[in-house]
Each structure stands twice: as structure tokens, then as C-alpha cells.
Amino acid sequence: MNTLLTSKQRNGVLTSMAKLIAEEKAGILTANKIDVEKYNGDDLAMFDRLKVDDSKIEGMILSLHQLVADSDPLGKELYDFTHDNGMKIVNKTAPFGTVLIIYESRPDVTVEAAGIAFKSGNKILLKGGKESLTSNLKIVELWHKALVENNISTNWVEYLNYSRTETQQFLENPTQKVDLIVPRGGEKLIAFVKKNAQCPVIVSGRGNNFIYVDTEADLEVALRIIINGKDKISACNALDKILINNNLKNKEQFIETLIVKLLESNIEIFGDTVLATYKNVKAYGSEEIWYKEFLDYKIVIGSVDSTTQAIAKINKYSGGHSAVIITKNDETANQFMENVDSAAVYQNASTRFTDGGQFGLGGELAISTDKLHHRGPMGLHHLVTNKWYIKGNGQIR
């Protein structure tokens, strides 16, 4: 096991890494160009995540600077108790140990997620997708340079260049101790990891987010928020489903305007039996579509008779990520927000804000849709476990 590094040592590596990314920007872009040109899949979301440009590199550098500026997540006192017998009992935050991050397509995760894991005192194992291998290996080379510059072992950041079969073998019989696995990607990846892993897994990335348009909605606000929800289809915080209350005033006009706006954004529209009667809305074949996270230019519109019905539908079908109510009635909004079982619930704002940076966390390791350990965007201060420190002077029980 690696000996715990001081806060100064960890920040030194992150500072070096930010400098190296800036210096090696051309090299990163060249490596990424090789990956982009090789990619021959038709997954629009994966392609969008794969591509690195100036803006993404600036984001990588910024995330590292933010991590350096943030306080140390380790050794924070969570609980303090003095026993009747004089023992001093303190509970403090502590690193997990070794964190394995399995992800598809996104080279920026090789910087941001690894940075969060490293600053929180963990050794990082990175398992990226084959589609981004050249980019990832270049970035890991820079991690190793940053570690060497600070006289720290390169073992702290390790890249697992494994095939799917080799990954499965590693998950079932790890060749080194792994304390936590974070899969970031589609449902197939998450299911694969959960099935094979021998240690705790934090599920990240399943979206299928809903917006409910209440009878007391501001319809201009509703339109703006819905269109914004589809402005980046590759994001797990993108919008996939819209529920409209049947008792909404000017419902017909609102739906027709909404259809026009969605078509302007090249969104394919599916509707339930009520909505499929509208022009340019397709009837869907199976109710299973309500479970689907699209990561594509597709959306489903459905109708409900009440807020209670909307809550029930969201809780049945959504991925537990983000849900929105559009309403001017705060009481209705509170009912919705307290009863919808999602990591992030909104009144009159876009699902696209469910993001570590937008929530003031700096970067994020993942957006957890699990409830154990942590839920929602996981920033630096969430990638810790805890440890009890007991000081006595000979007490026995």
C-alpha cells in the first residue's frame, strides 16, 4: 500500500499536471485526432465525449487549479465524543485506498476524475475505452511526469490497457487490492461492472431525466428549459421525457409551439396516445420507451392528470438522476420535490445544471444515482470514507 501523501505533496502533483497539460496541449490534440479519425461508430454521444478541443483542455487545467485551491478532504473531524471512562473518540474522513474508474470515450475524465481521486488521497486505476486509448495514454504519461517531478511513485496513477475479457478477469480476481469502483458510461457498462465486481461500486451516469409542466407553469419558462435540456445530448443530465398536465390552460397552443421548437433542434418526438394525435409526433410501440435514456436527438412527451400522477410516473421510469417541475405554485413544487425519488430535483430550472462544477463542487468524479455513501454529483469532499481514532490510557471493558 502507498504511504499517505501530505496535502502539500498532492497539491504539488496537481500543479505540475496543470502546467504539463498547458505545455503539451498540441501533443494531446494530436493524440486525440488519431482517436477521432479511428472512431467508426454511430454513437453520437460517444463521439461528442471523445473529441478534445481547446475548450476541453482549458476545462482540464481549470479543474486541476480548482482542486489545488480547495481544502484538503482528509482528516476532517466528523464526530467527537469523550467516553465516561475518559477515552477520547474522534471520527475523521479518510481515503478509500485504491479507486478504479471505468469510463467510455472521455479523455477529460483521465484528468478530472483522476485529479479528484488523487487529491482525496487515493491511488487511481484508470480503465478507459479503446476508442480513446491514444488520448488516455498521452494524458497518463503526463500524470507520471507530474509524479516524478514531485519525487512520488508513478504507482499512484495506473492505466489498465485491458480488453473486455481482461477487464472481466480483473474485476472477478483483482491482481491488486481495489476498494471502490466507479463506472462512468452507459447502462451496459454499469451492468457489466456490477455483475463482475468483487468490491463496492458507485453507479454513475444513468440519466433519463423528466420535466413536468404543471397547470400553473409559466409556459415561456417551460419552453426555454425544455429546449436547454436537449442542448447537449451526450450529457447524463440531458432531458429525455416531458409530462404535461391535461388541465393546463392553452395546452393545445403550448404543445404545438413545443413541437415546432423541438423540430427546430432536430429532435425526433414520440408521444403517448394523447400526444401522438399531434402532427410530427410519432406513436411509440412499447411502454418500455419510458425507461430509456436516449443520449440522442429523441424525446418522449406524455400526459398526466395530476402532480401525484406525474410523481408516480417519474418514480417508476426515471433513472433517479434529475427531475424538474415547472410551476409558479411553491406548495405544488414542494410536494413534487419532496416526493420525487431523484438525486436532484428542480423547480423552474434546467436538468443541465446537475453537474459538480455548477453545484459549486469544482470538478466531479461522477454523478451517483445510488443512495449509499453519496448521491448526486460527487466532488472532492465526497470521495472519502471515515475512520475512528480512539485515545486511551489503559482503559479496559
Protein backbone atom coordinates (compact mmCIF):
# COMPACT_ATOMS: atom_id res chain seq x y z
CA MET A 1 0.00 0.00 0.00
CA ASN A 2 1.23 3.52 -0.80
CA THR A 3 2.01 5.66 2.27
CA LEU A 4 -0.44 8.55 2.56
CA LEU A 5 0.86 11.72 0.91
CA THR A 6 0.70 15.12 2.58
CA SER A 7 -1.64 17.81 1.27
CA LYS A 8 1.41 19.73 0.02
CA GLN A 9 2.65 16.71 -1.95
CA ARG A 10 -0.75 16.08 -3.53
CA ASN A 11 -1.18 19.73 -4.49
CA GLY A 12 2.35 19.78 -5.92
CA VAL A 13 1.49 16.95 -8.33
CA LEU A 14 -1.77 18.63 -9.38
CA THR A 15 0.03 21.93 -10.02
CA SER A 16 2.68 20.13 -12.11
CA MET A 17 -0.05 18.32 -14.06
CA ALA A 18 -1.86 21.58 -14.89
CA LYS A 19 1.43 23.05 -16.17
CA LEU A 20 2.23 19.94 -18.24
CA ILE A 21 -1.21 19.90 -19.89
CA ALA A 22 -0.76 23.53 -20.92
CA GLU A 23 2.74 22.79 -22.29
CA GLU A 24 1.70 19.55 -24.04
CA LYS A 25 -1.61 20.83 -25.43
CA ALA A 26 -0.54 20.23 -29.06
CA GLY A 27 0.50 16.67 -28.21
CA ILE A 28 -2.83 15.93 -26.54
CA LEU A 29 -4.77 17.32 -29.51
CA THR A 30 -2.64 15.27 -31.94
CA ALA A 31 -3.22 12.07 -29.92
CA ASN A 32 -6.95 12.80 -29.77
CA LYS A 33 -7.09 13.41 -33.53
CA ILE A 34 -5.84 9.82 -34.03
CA ASP A 35 -8.68 8.50 -31.81
CA VAL A 36 -11.32 10.66 -33.51
CA GLU A 37 -10.22 9.59 -37.00
CA LYS A 38 -10.23 5.91 -35.98
CA TYR A 39 -13.70 6.07 -34.44
CA ASN A 40 -16.17 4.46 -36.79
CA GLY A 41 -19.18 4.01 -34.51
CA ASP A 42 -22.53 5.72 -34.95
CA ASP A 43 -22.99 6.64 -31.27
CA LEU A 44 -23.37 10.44 -31.37
CA ALA A 45 -22.98 10.82 -27.61
CA MET A 46 -19.79 8.77 -27.53
CA PHE A 47 -18.30 10.74 -30.40
CA ASP A 48 -19.12 14.03 -28.67
CA ARG A 49 -17.42 12.83 -25.47
CA LEU A 50 -14.41 11.52 -27.37
CA LYS A 51 -13.42 14.77 -29.07
CA VAL A 52 -10.95 17.05 -27.26
CA ASP A 53 -10.66 20.71 -28.28
CA ASP A 54 -9.15 23.90 -26.80
CA SER A 55 -12.18 24.38 -24.56
CA LYS A 56 -11.92 20.87 -23.07
CA ILE A 57 -8.20 21.33 -22.42
CA GLU A 58 -8.91 24.64 -20.66
CA GLY A 59 -11.51 22.74 -18.59
CA MET A 60 -8.92 20.11 -17.62
CA ILE A 61 -6.45 22.78 -16.47
CA LEU A 62 -9.14 24.71 -14.60
CA SER A 63 -10.33 21.57 -12.79
CA LEU A 64 -6.79 20.93 -11.53
CA HIS A 65 -6.34 24.54 -10.35
CA GLN A 66 -9.70 24.32 -8.53
CA LEU A 67 -8.62 21.11 -6.80
CA VAL A 68 -5.38 22.76 -5.62
CA ALA A 69 -7.33 25.75 -4.27
CA ASP A 70 -9.86 23.54 -2.46
CA SER A 71 -9.34 22.44 1.14
CA ASP A 72 -7.95 19.01 1.99
CA PRO A 73 -10.82 16.48 2.20
CA LEU A 74 -8.81 14.19 4.52
CA GLY A 75 -8.63 14.30 8.31
CA LYS A 76 -11.83 16.35 8.70
CA GLU A 77 -13.44 15.75 12.08
CA LEU A 78 -16.99 14.36 11.69
CA TYR A 79 -17.72 13.37 15.31
CA ASP A 80 -16.13 13.95 18.72
CA PHE A 81 -17.06 12.08 21.88
CA THR A 82 -15.46 11.64 25.30
CA HIS A 83 -16.38 8.33 26.96
CA ASP A 84 -17.32 8.19 30.66
CA ASN A 85 -14.04 6.32 31.25
CA GLY A 86 -12.00 9.18 29.75
CA MET A 87 -11.32 7.71 26.29
CA LYS A 88 -11.30 10.35 23.55
CA ILE A 89 -13.19 9.09 20.46
CA VAL A 90 -12.98 11.02 17.18
CA ASN A 91 -14.28 10.12 13.71
CA LYS A 92 -12.38 11.62 10.73
CA THR A 93 -12.51 11.44 6.94
CA ALA A 94 -10.05 9.01 5.32
CA PRO A 95 -9.19 7.82 1.79
CA PHE A 96 -10.73 4.67 0.32
CA GLY A 97 -7.33 3.34 -0.75
CA THR A 98 -7.46 2.33 -4.40
CA VAL A 99 -10.21 3.61 -6.67
CA LEU A 100 -10.83 2.07 -10.10
CA ILE A 101 -12.54 4.38 -12.60
CA ILE A 102 -14.00 2.63 -15.68
CA TYR A 103 -15.20 5.01 -18.35
CA GLU A 104 -16.03 5.31 -22.02
CA SER A 105 -14.77 7.78 -24.53
CA ARG A 106 -13.99 10.84 -22.38
CA PRO A 107 -10.27 11.73 -22.17
CA ASP A 108 -11.09 14.64 -19.83
CA VAL A 109 -12.09 12.05 -17.18
CA THR A 110 -8.43 10.89 -17.25
CA VAL A 111 -7.60 14.33 -15.84
CA GLU A 112 -10.60 15.41 -13.77
CA ALA A 113 -11.65 12.15 -12.11
CA ALA A 114 -8.04 11.09 -11.53
CA GLY A 115 -7.33 14.53 -10.02
CA ILE A 116 -10.22 14.24 -7.58
CA ALA A 117 -9.25 10.69 -6.61
CA PHE A 118 -5.59 11.70 -6.12
CA LYS A 119 -6.30 14.84 -4.10
CA SER A 120 -8.52 12.77 -1.80
CA GLY A 121 -5.54 10.50 -1.06
CA ASN A 122 -6.42 7.53 -3.26
CA LYS A 123 -4.38 5.50 -5.69
CA ILE A 124 -6.13 5.59 -9.09
CA LEU A 125 -6.60 2.79 -11.58
CA LEU A 126 -7.91 4.15 -14.89
CA LYS A 127 -9.68 1.90 -17.38
CA GLY A 128 -10.72 3.97 -20.38
CA GLY A 129 -12.45 2.78 -23.53
CA LYS A 130 -10.50 1.52 -26.55
CA GLU A 131 -11.89 4.40 -28.62
CA SER A 132 -9.87 6.95 -26.56
CA LEU A 133 -6.72 4.89 -25.92
CA THR A 134 -4.20 7.19 -27.67
CA SER A 135 -5.53 10.27 -25.84
CA ASN A 136 -5.62 8.48 -22.48
CA LEU A 137 -2.10 7.08 -22.75
CA LYS A 138 -0.76 10.57 -23.57
CA ILE A 139 -2.53 12.06 -20.53
CA VAL A 140 -1.33 9.24 -18.23
CA GLU A 141 2.22 9.86 -19.49
CA LEU A 142 1.79 13.44 -18.20
CA TRP A 143 0.46 12.18 -14.84
CA HIS A 144 3.63 10.08 -14.49
CA LYS A 145 5.81 13.09 -15.38
CA ALA A 146 3.99 15.18 -12.75
CA LEU A 147 4.53 12.48 -10.12
CA VAL A 148 8.24 12.09 -10.99
CA GLU A 149 8.71 15.90 -10.85
CA ASN A 150 7.50 15.72 -7.24
CA ASN A 151 9.57 12.64 -6.32
CA ILE A 152 6.46 10.49 -5.91
CA SER A 153 5.95 6.95 -7.21
CA THR A 154 4.16 6.61 -10.55
CA ASN A 155 2.18 3.76 -8.92
CA TRP A 156 -0.31 6.37 -7.71
CA VAL A 157 -1.82 6.65 -11.22
CA GLU A 158 -2.03 3.46 -13.27
CA TYR A 159 -3.70 2.86 -16.65
CA LEU A 160 -5.24 -0.57 -17.27
CA ASN A 161 -4.95 -1.18 -21.00
CA TYR A 162 -7.24 -4.22 -20.88
CA SER A 163 -9.64 -5.83 -23.34
CA ARG A 164 -13.20 -6.52 -22.19
CA THR A 165 -12.25 -10.11 -21.30
CA GLU A 166 -9.17 -8.97 -19.36
CA THR A 167 -11.28 -6.34 -17.55
CA GLN A 168 -13.80 -9.01 -16.54
CA GLN A 169 -10.99 -11.23 -15.24
CA PHE A 170 -9.53 -8.31 -13.27
CA LEU A 171 -12.92 -7.46 -11.73
CA GLU A 172 -13.52 -11.07 -10.72
CA ASN A 173 -9.96 -11.72 -9.49
CA PRO A 174 -8.13 -8.40 -8.99
CA THR A 175 -4.34 -8.66 -9.17
CA GLN A 176 -4.17 -5.86 -6.60
CA LYS A 177 -6.48 -4.59 -3.86
CA VAL A 178 -9.33 -2.42 -5.16
CA ASP A 179 -11.51 -0.61 -2.59
CA LEU A 180 -14.05 1.16 -4.82
CA ILE A 181 -15.11 1.06 -8.46
CA VAL A 182 -16.79 3.94 -10.27
CA PRO A 183 -18.15 3.05 -13.73
CA ARG A 184 -18.95 6.13 -15.85
CA GLY A 185 -20.87 5.40 -19.02
CA GLY A 186 -23.90 3.69 -20.48
CA GLU A 187 -26.17 1.14 -18.86
CA LYS A 188 -24.36 -1.83 -20.47
CA LEU A 189 -21.05 -0.77 -18.89
CA ILE A 190 -22.66 -0.25 -15.47
CA ALA A 191 -24.43 -3.65 -15.61
CA PHE A 192 -21.17 -5.35 -16.66
CA VAL A 193 -19.24 -3.83 -13.73
CA LYS A 194 -21.93 -4.56 -11.14
CA LYS A 195 -22.18 -8.16 -12.31
CA ASN A 196 -18.43 -8.86 -12.11
CA ALA A 197 -17.05 -6.59 -9.36
CA GLN A 198 -15.90 -8.00 -6.02
CA CYS A 199 -15.91 -4.66 -4.17
CA PRO A 200 -18.33 -1.72 -3.73
CA VAL A 201 -19.49 0.03 -6.92
CA ILE A 202 -20.85 3.58 -7.16
CA VAL A 203 -23.19 3.78 -10.14
CA SER A 204 -22.79 6.93 -12.20
CA GLY A 205 -24.23 8.28 -15.38
CA ARG A 206 -27.74 6.86 -15.81
CA GLY A 207 -29.94 9.78 -16.75
CA ASN A 208 -33.45 9.51 -18.29
CA ASN A 209 -34.48 12.84 -16.80
CA PHE A 210 -38.04 14.22 -16.65
CA ILE A 211 -39.71 17.62 -16.80
CA TYR A 212 -43.27 18.00 -15.55
CA VAL A 213 -45.27 21.01 -16.79
CA ASP A 214 -47.81 21.85 -14.06
CA THR A 215 -51.14 23.67 -14.55
CA GLU A 216 -49.56 26.80 -13.03
CA ALA A 217 -46.47 26.76 -15.24
CA ASP A 218 -45.01 29.83 -16.94
CA LEU A 219 -45.09 28.43 -20.47
CA GLU A 220 -42.28 30.63 -21.79
CA VAL A 221 -40.08 29.36 -18.98
CA ALA A 222 -41.16 25.78 -19.74
CA LEU A 223 -40.19 26.08 -23.41
CA ARG A 224 -36.82 27.62 -22.60
CA ILE A 225 -35.96 24.95 -20.03
CA ILE A 226 -37.09 22.04 -22.24
CA ILE A 227 -35.01 23.20 -25.22
CA ASN A 228 -31.99 23.79 -22.97
CA GLY A 229 -32.41 20.26 -21.63
CA LYS A 230 -31.61 18.89 -25.11
CA ASP A 231 -28.69 21.21 -25.94
CA LYS A 232 -26.10 18.51 -25.18
CA ILE A 233 -27.43 15.05 -25.93
CA SER A 234 -24.28 13.26 -24.72
CA ALA A 235 -24.69 14.51 -21.13
CA CYS A 236 -26.27 12.31 -18.44
CA ASN A 237 -28.16 15.44 -17.29
CA ALA A 238 -29.88 15.82 -20.68
CA LEU A 239 -33.69 15.75 -20.83
CA ASP A 240 -35.48 12.69 -22.23
CA LYS A 241 -39.10 12.90 -21.05
CA ILE A 242 -41.76 15.62 -20.75
CA LEU A 243 -45.02 15.22 -18.80
CA ILE A 244 -47.80 17.78 -19.43
CA ASN A 245 -50.78 18.20 -17.13
CA ASN A 246 -54.01 17.67 -19.10
CA ASN A 247 -55.63 20.60 -17.27
CA LEU A 248 -53.02 23.11 -18.44
CA LYS A 249 -54.60 26.30 -19.87
CA ASN A 250 -53.67 26.91 -23.52
CA LYS A 251 -52.43 23.31 -23.62
CA GLU A 252 -53.02 22.87 -27.37
CA GLN A 253 -51.14 26.03 -28.28
CA PHE A 254 -48.29 25.17 -25.88
CA ILE A 255 -47.88 21.67 -27.32
CA GLU A 256 -47.92 22.92 -30.90
CA THR A 257 -45.29 25.58 -30.08
CA LEU A 258 -43.22 22.98 -28.23
CA ILE A 259 -43.29 20.64 -31.23
CA VAL A 260 -42.10 23.43 -33.54
CA LYS A 261 -39.24 24.31 -31.15
CA LEU A 262 -38.15 20.68 -30.80
CA LEU A 263 -38.20 20.16 -34.57
CA GLU A 264 -36.03 23.29 -34.98
CA SER A 265 -33.46 21.50 -32.78
CA ASN A 266 -33.79 18.34 -34.95
CA ILE A 267 -35.37 16.37 -32.10
CA GLU A 268 -37.42 13.28 -33.02
CA ILE A 269 -40.64 13.39 -30.97
CA PHE A 270 -42.56 10.40 -29.60
CA GLY A 271 -45.88 10.70 -27.77
CA ASP A 272 -48.41 8.70 -25.77
CA THR A 273 -51.91 8.09 -27.16
CA VAL A 274 -52.93 11.70 -26.38
CA LEU A 275 -49.82 13.37 -27.80
CA ALA A 276 -49.41 11.07 -30.83
CA THR A 277 -52.52 12.72 -32.34
CA TYR A 278 -50.43 15.86 -32.98
CA LYS A 279 -48.65 16.38 -36.28
CA ASN A 280 -44.93 15.39 -36.27
CA VAL A 281 -45.35 13.30 -33.09
CA LYS A 282 -44.82 9.55 -33.52
CA ALA A 283 -46.65 6.91 -31.53
CA TYR A 284 -44.23 4.63 -29.70
CA GLY A 285 -44.57 0.86 -29.87
CA SER A 286 -43.91 -0.07 -26.25
CA GLU A 287 -44.19 1.48 -22.79
CA GLU A 288 -40.57 0.34 -22.32
CA ILE A 289 -39.54 3.58 -24.09
CA TRP A 290 -40.25 5.42 -20.80
CA TYR A 291 -37.30 3.60 -19.17
CA LYS A 292 -34.87 4.51 -21.96
CA GLU A 293 -32.07 7.04 -21.65
CA PHE A 294 -31.63 8.24 -25.25
CA LEU A 295 -28.30 10.12 -25.44
CA ASP A 296 -29.69 11.08 -28.84
CA TYR A 297 -31.90 13.64 -30.60
CA LYS A 298 -35.08 12.00 -29.28
CA ILE A 299 -37.69 12.91 -26.69
CA VAL A 300 -40.97 11.47 -25.37
CA ILE A 301 -43.97 13.61 -24.41
CA GLY A 302 -46.74 12.23 -22.22
CA SER A 303 -49.85 13.48 -20.45
CA VAL A 304 -50.87 13.21 -16.79
CA ASP A 305 -53.96 14.32 -14.85
CA SER A 306 -52.23 15.48 -11.65
CA THR A 307 -48.96 16.20 -9.89
CA THR A 308 -49.41 12.94 -7.95
CA GLN A 309 -49.62 11.03 -11.23
CA ALA A 310 -46.51 12.82 -12.55
CA ILE A 311 -44.57 11.89 -9.39
CA ALA A 312 -45.62 8.24 -9.69
CA LYS A 313 -44.62 8.07 -13.36
CA ILE A 314 -41.22 9.66 -12.73
CA ASN A 315 -40.52 7.36 -9.79
CA LYS A 316 -41.43 4.33 -11.90
CA TYR A 317 -39.45 5.11 -15.05
CA SER A 318 -36.66 7.63 -14.39
CA GLY A 319 -33.02 6.81 -13.70
CA GLY A 320 -33.14 8.61 -10.34
CA HIS A 321 -30.88 11.38 -11.65
CA SER A 322 -32.75 14.69 -12.17
CA ALA A 323 -36.38 15.80 -12.35
CA VAL A 324 -37.98 19.23 -12.84
CA ILE A 325 -41.35 20.79 -12.12
CA ILE A 326 -42.34 23.93 -13.99
CA THR A 327 -44.78 25.80 -11.76
CA LYS A 328 -45.36 29.15 -10.08
CA ASN A 329 -47.02 27.38 -7.13
CA ASP A 330 -44.38 26.77 -4.43
CA GLU A 331 -46.64 24.39 -2.48
CA THR A 332 -47.06 22.15 -5.55
CA ALA A 333 -43.33 22.41 -6.21
CA ASN A 334 -42.51 21.32 -2.65
CA GLN A 335 -44.89 18.35 -2.94
CA PHE A 336 -43.15 17.33 -6.18
CA MET A 337 -39.60 17.88 -4.92
CA GLU A 338 -40.12 16.03 -1.64
CA ASN A 339 -41.78 13.00 -3.26
CA VAL A 340 -39.81 12.51 -6.48
CA ASP A 341 -37.09 9.95 -5.79
CA SER A 342 -34.20 11.53 -7.72
CA ALA A 343 -30.73 12.74 -6.74
CA ALA A 344 -31.54 16.30 -7.89
CA VAL A 345 -35.00 17.89 -8.02
CA TYR A 346 -35.69 21.32 -9.51
CA GLN A 347 -38.36 23.99 -9.64
CA ASN A 348 -38.21 26.11 -12.80
CA ALA A 349 -34.61 25.33 -13.81
CA SER A 350 -32.88 23.05 -16.31
CA THR A 351 -31.69 19.49 -15.58
CA ARG A 352 -28.45 20.56 -17.30
CA PHE A 353 -27.29 22.11 -14.00
CA THR A 354 -26.82 18.69 -12.35
CA ASP A 355 -23.06 18.87 -12.50
CA GLY A 356 -20.28 19.16 -9.92
CA GLY A 357 -18.97 22.44 -11.34
CA GLN A 358 -22.44 24.01 -11.44
CA PHE A 359 -23.17 22.87 -7.88
CA GLY A 360 -20.03 24.58 -6.59
CA LEU A 361 -18.01 21.37 -6.14
CA GLY A 362 -15.32 22.25 -8.68
CA GLY A 363 -14.97 19.09 -10.77
CA GLU A 364 -16.84 15.87 -10.24
CA LEU A 365 -15.78 12.26 -10.13
CA ALA A 366 -19.25 11.07 -11.06
CA ILE A 367 -22.96 11.71 -10.59
CA SER A 368 -24.17 8.94 -8.32
CA THR A 369 -27.70 7.61 -8.67
CA ASP A 370 -27.06 5.25 -5.75
CA LYS A 371 -28.19 6.18 -2.25
CA LEU A 372 -25.48 4.52 -0.17
CA HIS A 373 -22.36 6.55 0.58
CA HIS A 374 -23.29 9.59 -1.54
CA ARG A 375 -25.94 10.69 -4.02
CA GLY A 376 -25.78 13.16 -6.93
CA PRO A 377 -22.63 14.97 -8.11
CA MET A 378 -19.59 13.57 -6.29
CA GLY A 379 -16.90 16.16 -5.76
CA LEU A 380 -13.61 16.08 -3.93
CA HIS A 381 -15.15 16.02 -0.45
CA HIS A 382 -17.38 13.04 -1.23
CA LEU A 383 -14.66 10.62 -2.36
CA VAL A 384 -13.72 9.79 1.22
CA THR A 385 -14.72 7.19 3.76
CA ASN A 386 -14.24 7.61 7.53
CA LYS A 387 -12.11 6.20 10.29
CA TRP A 388 -12.36 6.13 14.10
CA TYR A 389 -9.47 7.34 16.29
CA ILE A 390 -9.62 6.30 19.95
CA LYS A 391 -7.08 7.53 22.52
CA GLY A 392 -6.97 5.99 25.96
CA ASN A 393 -4.58 5.45 28.86
CA GLY A 394 -5.16 1.80 29.72
CA GLN A 395 -8.98 1.53 29.70
CA ILE A 396 -10.44 -2.00 29.52
CA ARG A 397 -14.05 -3.09 29.13
